[in-house]
Amino acid sequence: MTFSKRAQAISGLGGDKWALHFAAKEKIESGQDIISLSIGEPELLPPPMLGEVAKSAIDAGRVGYTNGPGELALRKILADKYTERAQRLISTDQVLITAGTQNALYLTFQTLVGPGDEVLVTDPLYATYEGVIRATGAEPVSIYLRPEMNFHLQVDDIKRKITSKTKALLLNSPQNPTGAVLTEKELNKIGDLAKANNFWIVSDEVYEELVFPGSKFASAFDNSDFADRTVALSSISKSHAAAGYRAGWLVASKEFCAAALPILETDIFGTPPFIQDAAAAVLEKGPSALAPTMRANYARRAKMVFDELDGFGNLKVTRPEAGMFVLIDARISGQTSTEFGRKLLEEAGVAVMPGSSFGKALDGFVRVSLTVDDDVLVRALSQIKKVI
């Protein structure tokens, strides 16, 4: 049997990147005592209101078909949110509801690029980015983020990768896996570059509400000079500890949304009404009530990892500015990130994500999730130190 060139192009770019996580999961299911610090799933439960509203909506019969763009009530709430954030009027025609940020990413690139085009991406990058780009037939072009610059994207590094084929730049700020948060000044320079070279900015902002003290969230979409060439994506997965609800959205120009809508309609033609009702209920309240607790937890735990492991056995630990992860630089070990991660799993009973799952720049690093209770993290760090 043969398969499409598109399917072949993204072979190995999906769940294969989580191989070590799945290996750890099998050990846990077999009864082994494994501490999982691999995936970014908040340890807190979502707001009770989410489940209550979803159940009430199901009981009320909100289980039928919906429209392609999404329920008007939810789009109005999001339009108001971005109107306040950007300090300019955002209409409901500028909002599309998606099945999570991943669906929004897929939709965006299907709308913007195709065979022969190039998309600038950072390295490291979130594990699914390469797949959503290659699924269009376009080619991802990597821009390495330098540890000595705290993994902040540099304009000069972008300039060196721009060609006549460049159609978009995919940004993730706050970033997974590095926790870097681009400043308004940095984003303005990037926006000027995009304008001068006529390419799009795709801005994954799912960690917007998890920025630590000392840093401040900013978005190219909020600058009116770049708004017509920026697509902002987000969801309630991280901010409301609701990854399984698959409630996401994108905000862009009316022209972009009109072009993207037929693709969205041929893909999923609307997320369940009861999920949209639940998302609307929590988003209408404003910023997530869970986010302050998560921010404090993750910042504290990142410091715990730094204090325990930075310099221990010549390891280096990053200081993230946001998010729910911390990076450990274990290149001194001489092992690949997969080899080092496998060593921690087999000998320390601790599951982490190999840095190579996020690009070539992090081979020799591992990503540690901060979404476990403090006492569990203390035990994990103790077990890692014994192995080191």
Protein backbone atom coordinates (compact mmCIF):
# COMPACT_ATOMS: atom_id res chain seq x y z
CA MET A 1 0.00 0.00 0.00
CA THR A 2 1.15 3.53 -0.70
CA PHE A 3 0.42 6.73 1.20
CA SER A 4 0.45 10.41 0.31
CA LYS A 5 3.65 12.42 0.12
CA ARG A 6 2.23 14.63 2.84
CA ALA A 7 1.80 11.67 5.20
CA GLN A 8 5.33 10.53 4.45
CA ALA A 9 6.68 14.05 5.04
CA ILE A 10 5.44 14.13 8.63
CA SER A 11 6.21 10.51 9.51
CA GLY A 12 7.96 10.46 12.87
CA LEU A 13 6.99 14.05 13.69
CA GLY A 14 4.07 13.20 15.96
CA GLY A 15 3.93 10.88 18.95
CA ASP A 16 7.42 9.49 18.28
CA LYS A 17 8.86 12.52 20.05
CA TRP A 18 7.21 11.34 23.29
CA ALA A 19 8.77 7.84 23.15
CA LEU A 20 10.51 8.22 26.51
CA HIS A 21 7.31 9.50 28.11
CA PHE A 22 5.36 6.51 26.82
CA ALA A 23 8.10 4.15 28.04
CA ALA A 24 7.78 5.69 31.50
CA LYS A 25 4.00 5.37 31.36
CA GLU A 26 4.31 1.64 30.64
CA LYS A 27 6.58 1.25 33.68
CA ILE A 28 4.07 3.11 35.86
CA GLU A 29 1.20 0.95 34.60
CA SER A 30 3.23 -2.17 35.40
CA GLY A 31 3.55 -1.04 39.01
CA GLN A 32 7.02 0.54 39.00
CA ASP A 33 7.63 3.64 41.11
CA ILE A 34 8.37 6.26 38.45
CA ILE A 35 8.19 10.02 38.95
CA SER A 36 6.89 11.57 35.74
CA LEU A 37 8.36 14.98 34.94
CA SER A 38 7.85 14.66 31.20
CA ILE A 39 4.66 16.28 29.91
CA GLY A 40 3.23 19.75 30.51
CA GLU A 41 -0.11 18.96 32.06
CA PRO A 42 -1.05 21.15 35.05
CA GLU A 43 -1.39 19.21 38.29
CA LEU A 44 -4.34 21.32 39.43
CA LEU A 45 -7.90 20.43 38.54
CA PRO A 46 -9.75 22.81 36.21
CA PRO A 47 -12.21 25.30 37.71
CA PRO A 48 -15.35 23.41 38.87
CA MET A 49 -17.39 25.82 36.77
CA LEU A 50 -16.04 24.23 33.58
CA GLY A 51 -17.51 20.82 34.37
CA GLU A 52 -20.70 22.25 35.84
CA VAL A 53 -21.45 24.41 32.80
CA ALA A 54 -20.52 21.62 30.37
CA LYS A 55 -22.84 19.17 32.16
CA SER A 56 -25.69 21.69 32.31
CA ALA A 57 -25.24 22.41 28.61
CA ILE A 58 -25.33 18.69 27.78
CA ASP A 59 -28.45 18.27 29.91
CA ALA A 60 -30.00 21.20 28.06
CA GLY A 61 -29.38 19.52 24.72
CA ARG A 62 -26.34 21.54 23.61
CA VAL A 63 -24.94 18.52 21.80
CA GLY A 64 -25.90 19.21 18.20
CA TYR A 65 -24.02 20.76 15.30
CA THR A 66 -22.65 24.25 15.64
CA ASN A 67 -21.38 26.72 13.05
CA GLY A 68 -17.91 26.85 11.53
CA PRO A 69 -16.51 30.02 13.16
CA GLY A 70 -17.72 29.09 16.64
CA GLU A 71 -20.52 30.18 18.94
CA LEU A 72 -21.12 33.93 18.81
CA ALA A 73 -21.20 34.27 22.61
CA LEU A 74 -17.69 32.81 22.97
CA ARG A 75 -16.31 34.83 20.06
CA LYS A 76 -17.77 38.01 21.60
CA ILE A 77 -16.02 37.30 24.92
CA LEU A 78 -12.72 36.72 23.14
CA ALA A 79 -13.16 39.79 20.93
CA ASP A 80 -13.69 41.87 24.07
CA LYS A 81 -10.61 40.30 25.73
CA TYR A 82 -8.35 41.18 22.80
CA THR A 83 -9.95 44.62 22.40
CA GLU A 84 -8.93 45.40 25.96
CA ARG A 85 -5.48 43.84 25.57
CA ALA A 86 -4.62 45.49 22.24
CA GLN A 87 -6.38 48.79 23.02
CA ARG A 88 -8.17 48.78 19.67
CA LEU A 89 -11.47 47.35 18.47
CA ILE A 90 -11.42 43.61 17.71
CA SER A 91 -14.64 42.26 16.20
CA THR A 92 -16.16 38.79 16.35
CA ASP A 93 -15.27 38.43 12.64
CA GLN A 94 -11.64 38.34 13.75
CA VAL A 95 -12.07 35.27 15.99
CA LEU A 96 -12.27 31.58 15.06
CA ILE A 97 -12.87 28.82 17.64
CA THR A 98 -10.71 25.70 17.32
CA ALA A 99 -10.16 22.36 19.02
CA GLY A 100 -7.22 23.61 21.06
CA THR A 101 -4.10 25.51 20.02
CA GLN A 102 -2.80 22.54 18.03
CA ASN A 103 -5.84 22.70 15.74
CA ALA A 104 -5.37 26.48 15.47
CA LEU A 105 -1.75 26.00 14.41
CA TYR A 106 -2.70 23.44 11.77
CA LEU A 107 -5.46 25.69 10.45
CA THR A 108 -3.20 28.73 10.34
CA PHE A 109 -0.45 27.11 8.32
CA GLN A 110 -2.89 25.42 5.96
CA THR A 111 -4.18 28.94 5.30
CA LEU A 112 -0.83 30.70 4.91
CA VAL A 113 1.69 28.41 3.22
CA GLY A 114 2.13 25.54 0.79
CA PRO A 115 4.72 23.65 -1.29
CA GLY A 116 7.78 25.75 -2.09
CA ASP A 117 7.27 28.15 0.83
CA GLU A 118 9.51 28.49 3.87
CA VAL A 119 8.49 29.07 7.49
CA LEU A 120 11.03 30.40 9.98
CA VAL A 121 10.97 28.53 13.29
CA THR A 122 13.12 28.66 16.37
CA ASP A 123 15.25 25.74 17.47
CA PRO A 124 14.36 24.65 20.14
CA LEU A 125 10.66 24.60 19.35
CA TYR A 126 7.53 22.83 20.56
CA ALA A 127 7.54 19.24 19.41
CA THR A 128 4.62 19.43 16.94
CA TYR A 129 5.62 22.62 15.09
CA GLU A 130 7.68 20.90 12.41
CA GLY A 131 4.81 18.53 11.67
CA VAL A 132 2.16 21.25 11.22
CA ILE A 133 4.45 23.09 8.82
CA ARG A 134 5.52 20.06 6.79
CA ALA A 135 1.87 18.96 6.57
CA THR A 136 1.35 21.92 4.22
CA GLY A 137 4.25 20.99 1.97
CA ALA A 138 6.22 24.02 3.19
CA GLU A 139 9.73 23.78 4.60
CA PRO A 140 10.62 24.79 8.18
CA VAL A 141 13.85 26.82 8.42
CA SER A 142 15.51 26.74 11.84
CA ILE A 143 16.87 29.72 13.73
CA TYR A 144 18.95 28.60 16.67
CA LEU A 145 18.22 30.14 20.07
CA ARG A 146 21.41 30.69 22.02
CA PRO A 147 21.64 29.73 25.72
CA GLU A 148 23.98 32.68 26.34
CA MET A 149 21.15 35.00 25.21
CA ASN A 150 18.70 33.28 27.59
CA PHE A 151 17.13 31.68 24.50
CA HIS A 152 15.74 35.03 23.30
CA LEU A 153 15.32 35.18 19.53
CA GLN A 154 17.78 37.65 17.95
CA VAL A 155 16.79 39.83 14.98
CA ASP A 156 20.19 39.39 13.30
CA ASP A 157 19.74 35.61 13.44
CA ILE A 158 16.33 35.98 11.74
CA LYS A 159 17.79 38.20 8.99
CA ARG A 160 20.32 35.56 8.02
CA LYS A 161 17.53 33.03 7.31
CA ILE A 162 15.15 35.20 5.26
CA THR A 163 14.85 34.31 1.58
CA SER A 164 12.42 35.07 -1.23
CA LYS A 165 10.52 31.94 -0.13
CA THR A 166 9.97 33.12 3.46
CA LYS A 167 6.23 33.41 4.12
CA ALA A 168 5.91 33.24 7.91
CA LEU A 169 7.71 33.23 11.26
CA LEU A 170 6.35 31.01 14.03
CA LEU A 171 6.83 32.57 17.47
CA ASN A 172 6.08 30.99 20.83
CA SER A 173 6.33 33.47 23.69
CA PRO A 174 6.33 32.53 26.51
CA GLN A 175 8.23 29.64 24.95
CA ASN A 176 8.06 25.91 25.46
CA PRO A 177 10.55 24.41 26.28
CA THR A 178 12.87 27.29 27.29
CA GLY A 179 10.51 29.54 29.26
CA ALA A 180 11.84 32.62 27.42
CA VAL A 181 9.52 35.66 27.20
CA LEU A 182 10.13 38.11 24.37
CA THR A 183 9.91 41.76 25.36
CA GLU A 184 7.79 44.38 23.60
CA LYS A 185 10.98 45.98 22.26
CA GLU A 186 12.20 42.66 20.85
CA LEU A 187 8.81 41.97 19.26
CA ASN A 188 8.70 45.43 17.69
CA LYS A 189 12.05 44.77 16.01
CA ILE A 190 10.77 41.41 14.77
CA GLY A 191 7.56 43.06 13.55
CA ASP A 192 9.51 45.70 11.64
CA LEU A 193 11.49 42.90 9.98
CA ALA A 194 8.30 41.04 9.05
CA LYS A 195 6.82 44.20 7.56
CA ALA A 196 9.96 45.02 5.58
CA ASN A 197 10.17 41.48 4.18
CA ASN A 198 6.43 40.86 3.83
CA PHE A 199 5.99 37.73 5.92
CA TRP A 200 3.43 36.65 8.52
CA ILE A 201 3.93 36.29 12.27
CA VAL A 202 2.18 33.30 13.85
CA SER A 203 2.15 33.81 17.61
CA ASP A 204 1.47 30.85 19.91
CA GLU A 205 0.50 32.50 23.20
CA VAL A 206 -0.83 29.57 25.20
CA TYR A 207 1.43 30.40 28.20
CA GLU A 208 0.32 34.06 28.33
CA GLU A 209 -0.97 33.83 31.90
CA LEU A 210 2.04 31.92 33.28
CA VAL A 211 4.68 34.68 33.17
CA PHE A 212 6.84 34.89 36.31
CA PRO A 213 7.57 38.10 38.25
CA GLY A 214 10.26 40.15 36.54
CA SER A 215 8.97 39.50 33.02
CA LYS A 216 5.94 40.83 31.16
CA PHE A 217 3.87 39.30 28.38
CA ALA A 218 3.84 41.08 25.03
CA SER A 219 2.41 40.21 21.61
CA ALA A 220 3.04 41.42 18.07
CA PHE A 221 -0.73 41.28 17.59
CA ASP A 222 -1.19 44.09 20.10
CA ASN A 223 0.87 46.48 17.95
CA SER A 224 -1.40 47.96 15.30
CA ASP A 225 1.59 48.29 12.94
CA PHE A 226 1.86 44.50 12.69
CA ALA A 227 -1.68 43.35 13.50
CA ASP A 228 -2.72 42.76 9.90
CA ARG A 229 0.13 40.27 9.43
CA THR A 230 -0.12 38.54 12.84
CA VAL A 231 -2.20 35.53 13.88
CA ALA A 232 -2.47 35.05 17.67
CA LEU A 233 -3.33 31.58 18.97
CA SER A 234 -4.27 30.35 22.43
CA SER A 235 -6.54 28.08 24.49
CA ILE A 236 -7.64 27.30 28.05
CA SER A 237 -5.35 24.24 28.22
CA LYS A 238 -2.62 25.80 30.37
CA SER A 239 -4.27 28.88 31.90
CA HIS A 240 -7.25 26.92 33.23
CA ALA A 241 -5.62 23.49 33.64
CA ALA A 242 -8.04 22.17 31.02
CA ALA A 243 -5.92 20.47 28.37
CA GLY A 244 -8.52 17.79 27.66
CA TYR A 245 -11.30 20.25 26.84
CA ARG A 246 -9.65 21.13 23.51
CA ALA A 247 -11.02 24.66 23.63
CA GLY A 248 -8.81 27.01 21.62
CA TRP A 249 -9.02 29.97 19.27
CA LEU A 250 -7.18 32.25 16.91
CA VAL A 251 -7.46 36.01 16.52
CA ALA A 252 -6.39 37.74 13.31
CA SER A 253 -7.59 40.13 10.62
CA LYS A 254 -11.05 39.72 9.09
CA GLU A 255 -9.38 38.83 5.79
CA PHE A 256 -7.36 36.02 7.34
CA CYS A 257 -10.38 34.58 9.17
CA ALA A 258 -12.46 34.65 6.00
CA ALA A 259 -9.72 32.77 4.14
CA ALA A 260 -9.23 30.25 6.98
CA LEU A 261 -12.91 29.52 7.62
CA PRO A 262 -13.47 27.09 4.70
CA ILE A 263 -10.43 25.10 5.81
CA LEU A 264 -11.74 24.99 9.39
CA GLU A 265 -15.14 23.91 8.13
CA THR A 266 -13.67 21.07 6.07
CA ASP A 267 -11.58 20.00 9.05
CA ILE A 268 -13.85 19.91 12.13
CA PHE A 269 -16.81 22.22 11.34
CA GLY A 270 -17.16 23.37 14.91
CA THR A 271 -16.18 22.16 18.35
CA PRO A 272 -18.98 20.83 20.61
CA PRO A 273 -21.38 23.56 21.78
CA PHE A 274 -21.22 22.39 25.40
CA ILE A 275 -17.40 22.76 25.36
CA GLN A 276 -17.74 26.26 23.94
CA ASP A 277 -20.33 27.13 26.61
CA ALA A 278 -17.94 25.97 29.35
CA ALA A 279 -15.03 27.94 27.86
CA ALA A 280 -17.20 31.04 27.59
CA ALA A 281 -18.21 30.74 31.23
CA VAL A 282 -14.63 30.79 32.54
CA LEU A 283 -13.25 33.28 30.02
CA GLU A 284 -16.05 35.73 30.79
CA LYS A 285 -14.64 35.97 34.32
CA GLY A 286 -11.42 37.51 33.01
CA PRO A 287 -7.93 36.19 33.81
CA SER A 288 -7.80 32.65 35.15
CA ALA A 289 -8.27 32.33 38.91
CA LEU A 290 -5.87 29.35 38.83
CA ALA A 291 -3.05 31.18 37.05
CA PRO A 292 -1.62 33.05 40.09
CA THR A 293 -1.27 29.76 42.00
CA MET A 294 0.33 28.03 39.02
CA ARG A 295 2.73 30.93 38.42
CA ALA A 296 3.85 30.86 42.03
CA ASN A 297 4.18 27.07 42.07
CA TYR A 298 6.21 26.88 38.86
CA ALA A 299 8.50 29.78 39.72
CA ARG A 300 9.21 28.26 43.14
CA ARG A 301 9.86 24.81 41.72
CA ALA A 302 12.11 26.17 38.98
CA LYS A 303 14.21 27.75 41.73
CA MET A 304 14.24 24.43 43.59
CA VAL A 305 15.66 22.65 40.55
CA PHE A 306 18.22 25.40 40.01
CA ASP A 307 19.34 25.44 43.63
CA GLU A 308 19.73 21.64 43.77
CA LEU A 309 21.21 20.83 40.37
CA ASP A 310 22.93 23.89 38.91
CA GLY A 311 26.64 23.17 39.23
CA PHE A 312 26.04 19.69 40.64
CA GLY A 313 28.23 17.30 38.67
CA ASN A 314 28.86 20.22 36.27
CA LEU A 315 25.20 20.30 35.22
CA LYS A 316 23.73 23.66 34.23
CA VAL A 317 20.11 24.66 34.86
CA THR A 318 18.27 27.45 33.07
CA ARG A 319 16.18 30.08 34.83
CA PRO A 320 12.86 30.22 32.93
CA GLU A 321 10.88 33.46 32.75
CA ALA A 322 7.53 31.70 32.41
CA GLY A 323 5.79 28.39 31.87
CA MET A 324 5.95 25.02 33.55
CA PHE A 325 9.35 23.65 32.54
CA VAL A 326 13.03 23.99 33.29
CA LEU A 327 15.96 22.84 31.14
CA ILE A 328 18.96 20.91 32.43
CA ASP A 329 22.11 21.17 30.34
CA ALA A 330 23.79 17.77 30.67
CA ARG A 331 26.15 18.04 27.69
CA ILE A 332 29.05 17.60 30.08
CA SER A 333 27.98 13.95 30.37
CA GLY A 334 28.92 13.32 26.75
CA GLN A 335 25.56 11.65 26.21
CA THR A 336 22.77 12.56 23.84
CA SER A 337 19.62 13.92 25.43
CA THR A 338 17.84 10.62 24.75
CA GLU A 339 20.68 8.63 26.35
CA PHE A 340 20.74 10.91 29.38
CA GLY A 341 16.95 10.82 29.68
CA ARG A 342 16.96 7.02 29.43
CA LYS A 343 19.63 6.89 32.16
CA LEU A 344 17.45 8.98 34.48
CA LEU A 345 14.45 6.78 33.77
CA GLU A 346 16.23 3.45 34.29
CA GLU A 347 18.54 4.40 37.17
CA ALA A 348 16.77 7.25 38.96
CA GLY A 349 13.16 6.30 38.23
CA VAL A 350 12.52 9.81 36.91
CA ALA A 351 10.94 10.49 33.51
CA VAL A 352 11.94 13.65 31.64
CA MET A 353 11.71 14.79 28.01
CA PRO A 354 14.87 14.62 25.89
CA GLY A 355 15.84 18.03 24.56
CA SER A 356 16.19 16.54 21.08
CA SER A 357 12.39 16.22 21.00
CA PHE A 358 12.40 20.02 20.63
CA GLY A 359 15.13 20.38 18.02
CA LYS A 360 18.84 19.94 17.41
CA ALA A 361 19.85 22.88 19.61
CA LEU A 362 18.88 21.03 22.79
CA ASP A 363 20.60 17.72 22.20
CA GLY A 364 22.36 17.03 25.47
CA PHE A 365 19.64 18.88 27.43
CA VAL A 366 16.54 17.44 29.12
CA ARG A 367 13.28 19.23 29.87
CA VAL A 368 11.84 18.81 33.37
CA SER A 369 8.17 19.47 34.05
CA LEU A 370 7.32 21.46 37.19
CA THR A 371 3.78 20.12 37.45
CA VAL A 372 4.22 17.86 40.49
CA ASP A 373 3.89 18.64 44.18
CA ASP A 374 6.97 20.06 45.90
CA ASP A 375 7.64 16.91 47.94
CA VAL A 376 7.55 14.76 44.80
CA LEU A 377 9.95 17.12 43.06
CA VAL A 378 12.32 17.02 46.06
CA ARG A 379 12.35 13.22 45.86
CA ALA A 380 12.97 13.31 42.12
CA LEU A 381 15.88 15.70 42.49
CA SER A 382 17.41 13.53 45.22
CA GLN A 383 17.18 10.47 42.96
CA ILE A 384 18.72 12.37 40.04
CA LYS A 385 21.62 13.52 42.21
CA LYS A 386 22.36 9.95 43.28
CA VAL A 387 22.65 8.89 39.64
CA ILE A 388 24.78 11.92 38.70
